[in-house]
Amino acid sequence: MGDLFHYLELRAQGRIKEHKFRKSWKAVLYMLEDAAAKPSQNQPCEFSGEPRATFLMDFSPSKLRVASTH
């Protein structure tokens, strides 16, 4: 897992030598596919104020959840 974090850090800095991190890249792809395959739970919610846009986002008071519509 340490190699994975090191890979992501170097990637963010633009300092990747791809042949050296082939195993880490495979781990990243596996994690992304695993997360994408999990079901998400959508719940209806009420928006505060009057929405006047085609895309709207509203945050919970605790800022831990976000609701959006478009």
C-alpha atoms as a PDB file:
ATOM      1  CA  MET A   1       0.000   0.000   0.000  1.00  0.00           C
ATOM      2  CA  GLY A   2       2.953   2.318   0.638  1.00  0.00           C
ATOM      3  CA  ASP A   3       3.988   2.051  -3.006  1.00  0.00           C
ATOM      4  CA  LEU A   4       0.473   3.038  -4.010  1.00  0.00           C
ATOM      5  CA  PHE A   5       0.546   6.244  -1.966  1.00  0.00           C
ATOM      6  CA  HIS A   6       4.038   7.040  -3.213  1.00  0.00           C
ATOM      7  CA  TYR A   7       2.845   6.508  -6.788  1.00  0.00           C
ATOM      8  CA  LEU A   8      -0.140   8.839  -6.293  1.00  0.00           C
ATOM      9  CA  GLU A   9       2.070  11.502  -4.703  1.00  0.00           C
ATOM     10  CA  LEU A  10       4.571  11.410  -7.565  1.00  0.00           C
ATOM     11  CA  ARG A  11       1.750  11.372 -10.111  1.00  0.00           C
ATOM     12  CA  ALA A  12       0.269  14.531  -8.567  1.00  0.00           C
ATOM     13  CA  GLN A  13       3.697  16.165  -8.880  1.00  0.00           C
ATOM     14  CA  GLY A  14       4.157  14.992 -12.477  1.00  0.00           C
ATOM     15  CA  ARG A  15       7.241  12.923 -11.604  1.00  0.00           C
ATOM     16  CA  ILE A  16       6.211   9.430 -12.765  1.00  0.00           C
ATOM     17  CA  LYS A  17       8.484   6.833 -14.295  1.00  0.00           C
ATOM     18  CA  GLU A  18       5.770   4.472 -15.502  1.00  0.00           C
ATOM     19  CA  HIS A  19       7.846   1.299 -15.840  1.00  0.00           C
ATOM     20  CA  LYS A  20       8.775   1.560 -12.159  1.00  0.00           C
ATOM     21  CA  PHE A  21       5.171   1.826 -10.932  1.00  0.00           C
ATOM     22  CA  ARG A  22       3.378  -0.723 -13.130  1.00  0.00           C
ATOM     23  CA  LYS A  23       2.268  -2.739 -10.049  1.00  0.00           C
ATOM     24  CA  SER A  24       0.966   0.402  -8.289  1.00  0.00           C
ATOM     25  CA  TRP A  25      -0.968   1.436 -11.410  1.00  0.00           C
ATOM     26  CA  LYS A  26      -2.700  -1.954 -11.450  1.00  0.00           C
ATOM     27  CA  ALA A  27      -3.625  -1.464  -7.771  1.00  0.00           C
ATOM     28  CA  VAL A  28      -5.091   1.969  -8.584  1.00  0.00           C
ATOM     29  CA  LEU A  29      -7.186   0.519 -11.410  1.00  0.00           C
ATOM     30  CA  TYR A  30      -8.420  -2.290  -9.164  1.00  0.00           C
ATOM     31  CA  MET A  31      -9.455   0.181  -6.437  1.00  0.00           C
ATOM     32  CA  LEU A  32     -11.239   2.432  -8.943  1.00  0.00           C
ATOM     33  CA  GLU A  33     -13.128  -0.463 -10.509  1.00  0.00           C
ATOM     34  CA  ASP A  34     -14.053  -1.799  -7.071  1.00  0.00           C
ATOM     35  CA  ALA A  35     -15.425   1.597  -5.991  1.00  0.00           C
ATOM     36  CA  ALA A  36     -17.279   2.111  -9.276  1.00  0.00           C
ATOM     37  CA  ALA A  37     -18.975  -1.281  -9.001  1.00  0.00           C
ATOM     38  CA  LYS A  38     -20.479  -0.570  -5.575  1.00  0.00           C
ATOM     39  CA  PRO A  39     -24.112   0.546  -5.594  1.00  0.00           C
ATOM     40  CA  SER A  40     -24.872   4.109  -4.582  1.00  0.00           C
ATOM     41  CA  GLN A  41     -27.871   5.187  -2.548  1.00  0.00           C
ATOM     42  CA  ASN A  42     -29.838   8.190  -3.782  1.00  0.00           C
ATOM     43  CA  GLN A  43     -32.324   9.872  -1.476  1.00  0.00           C
ATOM     44  CA  PRO A  44     -34.729  12.731  -2.203  1.00  0.00           C
ATOM     45  CA  CYS A  45     -34.165  15.969  -0.292  1.00  0.00           C
ATOM     46  CA  GLU A  46     -35.538  19.486  -0.018  1.00  0.00           C
ATOM     47  CA  PHE A  47     -33.408  22.374  -1.299  1.00  0.00           C
ATOM     48  CA  SER A  48     -33.024  25.594   0.633  1.00  0.00           C
ATOM     49  CA  GLY A  49     -33.987  28.865  -1.068  1.00  0.00           C
ATOM     50  CA  GLU A  50     -35.347  29.169  -4.599  1.00  0.00           C
ATOM     51  CA  PRO A  51     -33.358  27.253  -7.199  1.00  0.00           C
ATOM     52  CA  ARG A  52     -32.846  29.324 -10.366  1.00  0.00           C
ATOM     53  CA  ALA A  53     -30.221  27.307 -12.200  1.00  0.00           C
ATOM     54  CA  THR A  54     -30.188  24.165 -14.291  1.00  0.00           C
ATOM     55  CA  PHE A  55     -27.627  22.629 -11.941  1.00  0.00           C
ATOM     56  CA  LEU A  56     -27.991  23.079  -8.194  1.00  0.00           C
ATOM     57  CA  MET A  57     -25.962  21.853  -5.238  1.00  0.00           C
ATOM     58  CA  ASP A  58     -26.880  22.193  -1.589  1.00  0.00           C
ATOM     59  CA  PHE A  59     -24.833  21.103   1.420  1.00  0.00           C
ATOM     60  CA  SER A  60     -26.065  19.756   4.740  1.00  0.00           C
ATOM     61  CA  PRO A  61     -25.491  22.006   7.774  1.00  0.00           C
ATOM     62  CA  SER A  62     -22.673  19.691   8.889  1.00  0.00           C
ATOM     63  CA  LYS A  63     -21.088  19.903   5.386  1.00  0.00           C
ATOM     64  CA  LEU A  64     -20.813  16.087   5.325  1.00  0.00           C
ATOM     65  CA  ARG A  65     -23.447  15.519   2.610  1.00  0.00           C
ATOM     66  CA  VAL A  66     -24.256  17.201  -0.665  1.00  0.00           C
ATOM     67  CA  ALA A  67     -27.387  17.036  -2.787  1.00  0.00           C
ATOM     68  CA  SER A  68     -27.513  18.000  -6.438  1.00  0.00           C
ATOM     69  CA  THR A  69     -29.951  18.185  -9.286  1.00  0.00           C
ATOM     70  CA  HIS A  70     -29.668  19.048 -12.961  1.00  0.00           C
END
